[in-house]
Amino acid sequence: MSGINQGARQIHNQGGDVSRQETPLELEQSFENAAKLLRDADSVLIAAGAGMGVDSGLPDFRGSDGLWNGYSAALPGGRPILEAANLHVFESEPTFAWGFYGHRLDLYRRTAPHDGFRLLRLIGETMEHGMFVFTSNVDGQFQKAGFHGSLICEYHGSLHHLQCLEACNSDIWSANNFMPVIDASQCQLVSPLPACRHCGALARPNVLMFSDWNWNPARKDQQERDLMRWLKAVRRMVVIELGAGTAIPAVRVFSGRTGRPVIRINPHEAQLGGINGVSLPLGALEAVTAIAHRLGVGPQGASALPH
């Protein structure tokens, strides 16, 4: 595999600092350990943070072109992302707010999920109790990659859904009919603002923002209930965690709290911090491709995993 041939990789200690280089032989052993965990499992929880989409061309949070740095650099006047991803700005500058979120919505619609999504789905389909996705991402990439919506918990909501800014009722509806046109140089929505389909007030994305006191979590809450029921039914679950950093740690916290082995895939923060599992300091696509190859899951489809 290309990840082995490229030479040593960095190993992280539990504090997150680089301690030494992982050799190709050690990396190969980590792949084998991950594959063994999955062969012995009856189910897989796929826990994904922003880094999951990097191989598709989407920004993560802390990278040089990520949400914190790349987006802030592109905002007019160097305005920090905290101003754009904030409920207050929908009330005071709605065209700026929707300039930011409309640009992201358009980006997510145009982005094709990388092949790691397909391989994860194939791995999950071989399991006795299947798979479930827990993600902090609001991009809808798992649905786009063929994961059934009933098997996904979008913990911070979805940019593909809207709600009323004035909270006139509890309705959450699809954003499919909203086609934003953005002046990217000014981060301004130049097409009509989306409106609540009940009262006509401004519609906002059904995602959790900073300083957000009126996010409607009803959709997320139902997804979470479905996830909890699934967790109670499985016995030998393994978590595959991808691109979940410590800047916004919801996914890492959830993975650790399951009490099950975690295959932690992260090129920068792969340290396990004392939990049981396998650490892979790689990007999502490279790591999942290597694991899938060892499980006999690949371009020609999935084979049943021997137990």
Protein backbone atom coordinates (compact mmCIF):
# COMPACT_ATOMS: atom_id res chain seq x y z
CA MET A 1 0.00 0.00 0.00
CA SER A 2 1.17 3.53 -0.69
CA GLY A 3 0.96 4.45 3.01
CA ILE A 4 3.59 1.86 3.87
CA ASN A 5 5.90 2.59 0.96
CA GLN A 6 6.05 6.28 1.78
CA GLY A 7 8.15 5.52 4.85
CA ALA A 8 7.86 6.32 8.54
CA ARG A 9 4.85 8.03 10.09
CA GLN A 10 4.66 10.03 13.28
CA ILE A 11 3.48 8.31 16.44
CA HIS A 12 1.81 10.50 19.05
CA ASN A 13 1.93 10.05 22.78
CA GLN A 14 -1.18 10.47 24.92
CA GLY A 15 -0.54 14.17 25.38
CA GLY A 16 -0.66 14.70 21.66
CA ASP A 17 3.02 15.53 21.11
CA VAL A 18 5.00 13.69 18.49
CA SER A 19 7.20 11.15 20.28
CA ARG A 20 8.86 9.20 17.46
CA GLN A 21 8.42 7.92 13.92
CA GLU A 22 6.25 4.89 13.23
CA THR A 23 8.04 2.48 10.92
CA PRO A 24 6.40 0.82 7.93
CA LEU A 25 6.44 -2.48 9.84
CA GLU A 26 4.66 -0.90 12.80
CA LEU A 27 2.11 0.68 10.52
CA GLU A 28 1.48 -2.66 8.87
CA GLN A 29 0.93 -4.22 12.30
CA SER A 30 -1.55 -1.46 13.15
CA PHE A 31 -3.50 -2.23 9.96
CA GLU A 32 -3.57 -5.91 10.88
CA ASN A 33 -4.70 -5.13 14.43
CA ALA A 34 -7.51 -2.94 13.11
CA ALA A 35 -8.59 -5.63 10.67
CA LYS A 36 -8.63 -8.25 13.44
CA LEU A 37 -10.86 -6.06 15.61
CA LEU A 38 -13.31 -5.78 12.74
CA ARG A 39 -13.23 -9.51 11.93
CA ASP A 40 -14.24 -10.22 15.52
CA ALA A 41 -16.97 -7.54 15.59
CA ASP A 42 -20.71 -7.90 15.00
CA SER A 43 -21.22 -4.18 14.29
CA VAL A 44 -19.35 -0.98 13.56
CA LEU A 45 -19.97 2.55 14.75
CA ILE A 46 -18.52 5.05 12.28
CA ALA A 47 -17.67 8.22 14.20
CA ALA A 48 -16.66 11.07 11.92
CA GLY A 49 -15.38 14.59 12.46
CA ALA A 50 -14.47 17.32 9.99
CA GLY A 51 -11.29 15.54 8.91
CA MET A 52 -13.38 12.83 7.28
CA GLY A 53 -14.10 15.10 4.32
CA VAL A 54 -10.57 16.37 3.68
CA ASP A 55 -9.88 13.70 1.05
CA SER A 56 -13.03 14.86 -0.75
CA GLY A 57 -11.69 18.41 -0.82
CA LEU A 58 -13.71 19.74 2.12
CA PRO A 59 -12.07 21.86 4.84
CA ASP A 60 -11.37 20.55 8.31
CA PHE A 61 -11.27 22.90 11.31
CA ARG A 62 -7.64 23.55 12.13
CA GLY A 63 -5.80 22.96 8.84
CA SER A 64 -4.19 25.80 6.90
CA ASP A 65 -7.20 25.82 4.56
CA GLY A 66 -9.70 24.76 7.21
CA LEU A 67 -12.75 26.50 8.58
CA TRP A 68 -10.81 28.38 11.24
CA ASN A 69 -8.03 29.63 8.97
CA GLY A 70 -9.04 29.33 5.33
CA TYR A 71 -12.57 30.66 5.76
CA SER A 72 -11.54 33.46 8.07
CA ALA A 73 -8.90 34.58 5.60
CA ALA A 74 -11.56 34.73 2.89
CA LEU A 75 -14.09 36.70 4.92
CA PRO A 76 -14.19 40.42 4.10
CA GLY A 77 -12.06 42.53 6.40
CA GLY A 78 -10.55 39.38 7.90
CA ARG A 79 -13.61 38.89 10.09
CA PRO A 80 -13.24 35.81 12.32
CA ILE A 81 -15.34 32.76 11.59
CA LEU A 82 -16.98 33.14 15.01
CA GLU A 83 -18.82 36.15 13.60
CA ALA A 84 -20.13 34.24 10.60
CA ALA A 85 -21.08 30.99 12.37
CA ASN A 86 -23.12 32.81 14.98
CA LEU A 87 -26.84 33.20 15.58
CA HIS A 88 -26.47 36.94 16.21
CA VAL A 89 -25.34 37.62 12.65
CA PHE A 90 -28.53 36.08 11.22
CA GLU A 91 -30.43 38.74 13.12
CA SER A 92 -28.14 41.68 12.29
CA GLU A 93 -26.61 40.78 8.90
CA PRO A 94 -28.67 38.01 7.31
CA THR A 95 -27.13 38.32 3.83
CA PHE A 96 -23.65 37.96 5.35
CA ALA A 97 -24.75 35.00 7.47
CA TRP A 98 -26.29 33.27 4.49
CA GLY A 99 -23.28 34.25 2.38
CA PHE A 100 -21.18 32.09 4.68
CA TYR A 101 -23.62 29.20 5.08
CA GLY A 102 -24.88 29.40 1.51
CA HIS A 103 -21.34 29.06 0.21
CA ARG A 104 -20.84 25.97 2.36
CA LEU A 105 -24.18 24.49 1.29
CA ASP A 106 -23.24 24.92 -2.36
CA LEU A 107 -19.81 23.40 -1.70
CA TYR A 108 -21.34 20.35 0.00
CA ARG A 109 -23.79 19.86 -2.84
CA ARG A 110 -21.01 19.94 -5.42
CA THR A 111 -18.60 17.67 -3.51
CA ALA A 112 -18.45 13.95 -4.25
CA PRO A 113 -17.60 11.77 -1.22
CA HIS A 114 -14.22 10.06 -1.50
CA ASP A 115 -14.02 6.30 -1.86
CA GLY A 116 -13.43 5.77 1.84
CA PHE A 117 -17.15 6.37 2.42
CA ARG A 118 -18.05 3.52 0.07
CA LEU A 119 -15.54 1.18 1.69
CA LEU A 120 -16.85 1.97 5.17
CA ARG A 121 -20.39 1.23 4.01
CA LEU A 122 -19.26 -2.10 2.53
CA ILE A 123 -17.49 -3.03 5.77
CA GLY A 124 -20.62 -2.20 7.75
CA GLU A 125 -22.84 -4.21 5.42
CA THR A 126 -20.86 -7.37 6.20
CA MET A 127 -21.58 -7.08 9.93
CA GLU A 128 -24.30 -9.10 11.67
CA HIS A 129 -25.78 -5.96 13.23
CA GLY A 130 -24.63 -3.58 10.53
CA MET A 131 -23.45 -0.06 11.15
CA PHE A 132 -24.44 3.35 12.48
CA VAL A 133 -22.87 6.74 11.83
CA PHE A 134 -22.29 9.37 14.51
CA THR A 135 -20.97 12.61 13.04
CA SER A 136 -20.50 16.24 13.97
CA ASN A 137 -20.40 17.12 10.27
CA VAL A 138 -23.31 19.03 8.78
CA ASP A 139 -22.39 18.32 5.15
CA GLY A 140 -24.65 15.36 4.32
CA GLN A 141 -21.77 13.42 2.76
CA PHE A 142 -22.74 10.09 4.31
CA GLN A 143 -26.22 10.25 2.76
CA LYS A 144 -24.64 11.23 -0.55
CA ALA A 145 -22.36 8.18 -0.30
CA GLY A 146 -25.32 5.82 0.02
CA PHE A 147 -25.71 5.46 3.79
CA HIS A 148 -29.36 5.18 4.76
CA GLY A 149 -30.58 8.26 6.63
CA SER A 150 -32.07 6.11 9.40
CA LEU A 151 -28.53 4.96 10.29
CA ILE A 152 -27.00 8.42 10.74
CA CYS A 153 -26.92 10.70 13.78
CA GLU A 154 -25.93 14.23 12.79
CA TYR A 155 -25.04 15.57 16.21
CA HIS A 156 -24.73 19.22 15.14
CA GLY A 157 -27.58 19.14 12.65
CA SER A 158 -27.57 19.36 8.86
CA LEU A 159 -27.02 22.28 6.53
CA HIS A 160 -29.40 20.55 4.13
CA HIS A 161 -32.33 21.39 6.45
CA LEU A 162 -33.92 24.66 7.54
CA GLN A 163 -35.91 25.99 10.47
CA CYS A 164 -37.62 29.29 11.31
CA LEU A 165 -35.31 31.91 12.83
CA GLU A 166 -38.22 33.16 14.94
CA ALA A 167 -39.09 29.61 16.03
CA CYS A 168 -42.73 30.13 15.09
CA ASN A 169 -43.14 26.34 15.29
CA SER A 170 -41.05 23.19 15.58
CA ASP A 171 -40.98 22.37 11.87
CA ILE A 172 -37.71 21.38 10.18
CA TRP A 173 -37.79 21.13 6.40
CA SER A 174 -35.51 20.29 3.50
CA ALA A 175 -33.32 22.99 1.96
CA ASN A 176 -33.53 21.37 -1.47
CA ASN A 177 -35.52 24.26 -2.92
CA PHE A 178 -33.06 26.87 -1.64
CA MET A 179 -30.48 27.66 -4.34
CA PRO A 180 -28.10 30.28 -2.92
CA VAL A 181 -26.20 32.63 -5.19
CA ILE A 182 -23.17 34.07 -3.41
CA ASP A 183 -20.87 37.01 -4.01
CA ALA A 184 -17.83 35.19 -2.63
CA SER A 185 -15.63 38.29 -2.60
CA GLN A 186 -17.94 39.94 -0.06
CA CYS A 187 -19.45 36.80 1.49
CA GLN A 188 -22.93 38.03 0.64
CA LEU A 189 -26.04 36.19 -0.47
CA VAL A 190 -27.30 38.00 -3.57
CA SER A 191 -30.28 35.75 -4.28
CA PRO A 192 -33.47 36.00 -2.18
CA LEU A 193 -33.18 35.06 1.49
CA PRO A 194 -34.90 31.79 2.43
CA ALA A 195 -38.16 32.25 4.31
CA CYS A 196 -40.06 30.20 6.85
CA ARG A 197 -42.74 28.30 5.01
CA HIS A 198 -45.19 28.97 7.84
CA CYS A 199 -44.81 32.61 8.92
CA GLY A 200 -42.58 34.10 6.20
CA ALA A 201 -39.82 35.14 8.62
CA LEU A 202 -36.18 34.46 7.82
CA ALA A 203 -35.21 30.79 7.70
CA ARG A 204 -31.92 29.65 9.17
CA PRO A 205 -29.95 26.42 8.77
CA ASN A 206 -30.85 23.63 11.17
CA VAL A 207 -27.30 23.46 12.51
CA LEU A 208 -25.86 24.25 15.90
CA MET A 209 -23.96 27.55 15.78
CA PHE A 210 -22.02 29.54 18.32
CA SER A 211 -24.19 31.41 20.85
CA ASP A 212 -27.15 29.45 19.54
CA TRP A 213 -30.13 29.43 21.86
CA ASN A 214 -32.88 28.64 19.36
CA TRP A 215 -31.49 25.71 17.39
CA ASN A 216 -34.24 23.14 16.99
CA PRO A 217 -32.66 19.78 17.92
CA ALA A 218 -35.77 17.67 17.25
CA ARG A 219 -34.33 15.97 14.17
CA LYS A 220 -31.02 15.27 15.89
CA ASP A 221 -32.82 14.03 19.00
CA GLN A 222 -34.76 11.43 16.99
CA GLN A 223 -31.55 10.30 15.31
CA GLU A 224 -29.90 10.01 18.72
CA ARG A 225 -32.75 7.88 20.06
CA ASP A 226 -32.38 5.56 17.06
CA LEU A 227 -28.64 5.33 17.73
CA MET A 228 -29.18 4.50 21.41
CA ARG A 229 -31.58 1.69 20.49
CA TRP A 230 -29.03 0.29 18.05
CA LEU A 231 -26.25 0.45 20.63
CA LYS A 232 -28.34 -1.58 23.07
CA ALA A 233 -28.81 -4.34 20.48
CA VAL A 234 -25.16 -4.87 19.53
CA ARG A 235 -22.66 -6.98 21.46
CA ARG A 236 -19.22 -6.82 19.86
CA MET A 237 -19.09 -3.34 18.41
CA VAL A 238 -15.96 -1.61 17.16
CA VAL A 239 -15.70 2.13 16.60
CA ILE A 240 -13.96 3.46 13.50
CA GLU A 241 -13.29 7.11 14.29
CA LEU A 242 -12.14 9.34 11.44
CA GLY A 243 -10.88 12.92 11.40
CA ALA A 244 -12.19 13.81 14.84
CA GLY A 245 -9.92 16.35 16.52
CA THR A 246 -9.78 17.95 19.93
CA ALA A 247 -10.78 21.48 18.83
CA ILE A 248 -14.45 20.45 18.85
CA PRO A 249 -14.23 17.12 20.70
CA ALA A 250 -17.82 15.83 20.57
CA VAL A 251 -16.97 12.86 18.37
CA ARG A 252 -13.85 11.84 20.29
CA VAL A 253 -15.75 12.06 23.58
CA PHE A 254 -18.59 9.92 22.22
CA SER A 255 -16.18 7.30 20.87
CA GLY A 256 -14.45 6.99 24.23
CA ARG A 257 -17.67 6.77 26.18
CA THR A 258 -18.89 3.73 24.26
CA GLY A 259 -16.36 1.61 26.15
CA ARG A 260 -15.64 -0.35 22.96
CA PRO A 261 -12.39 -0.63 20.98
CA VAL A 262 -11.67 2.43 18.86
CA ILE A 263 -9.75 2.50 15.58
CA ARG A 264 -8.70 6.16 15.69
CA ILE A 265 -7.74 7.54 12.27
CA ASN A 266 -6.32 11.05 12.36
CA PRO A 267 -3.15 12.39 10.68
CA HIS A 268 -2.50 14.91 13.46
CA GLU A 269 -4.23 13.67 16.65
CA ALA A 270 -4.29 9.88 16.56
CA GLN A 271 -3.34 9.43 20.23
CA LEU A 272 -5.71 7.08 22.07
CA GLY A 273 -5.41 8.75 25.45
CA GLY A 274 -5.69 5.51 27.39
CA ILE A 275 -8.68 3.96 25.62
CA ASN A 276 -8.47 0.50 24.07
CA GLY A 277 -7.91 0.41 20.34
CA VAL A 278 -5.61 1.12 17.40
CA SER A 279 -4.04 4.44 16.48
CA LEU A 280 -3.53 5.23 12.78
CA PRO A 281 -1.86 8.60 12.07
CA LEU A 282 -3.23 8.78 8.53
CA GLY A 283 -5.94 10.46 6.51
CA ALA A 284 -9.33 8.77 6.27
CA LEU A 285 -9.10 7.55 2.68
CA GLU A 286 -5.64 6.03 3.01
CA ALA A 287 -6.38 4.27 6.29
CA VAL A 288 -9.79 2.91 5.31
CA THR A 289 -8.46 1.67 1.97
CA ALA A 290 -5.66 -0.21 3.73
CA ILE A 291 -8.03 -1.76 6.29
CA ALA A 292 -10.60 -2.70 3.64
CA HIS A 293 -7.89 -4.38 1.57
CA ARG A 294 -6.98 -6.59 4.52
CA LEU A 295 -10.63 -7.49 5.04
CA GLY A 296 -11.15 -8.44 1.41
CA VAL A 297 -13.38 -5.43 0.81
CA GLY A 298 -12.38 -3.51 -2.26
CA PRO A 299 -13.20 -2.35 -5.79
CA GLN A 300 -14.95 -5.57 -6.68
CA GLY A 301 -17.29 -5.42 -3.69
CA ALA A 302 -17.44 -6.82 -0.19
CA SER A 303 -16.75 -10.33 0.92
CA ALA A 304 -18.12 -11.68 4.18
CA LEU A 305 -15.72 -11.25 7.08
CA PRO A 306 -14.77 -14.57 8.69
CA HIS A 307 -15.61 -14.84 12.40
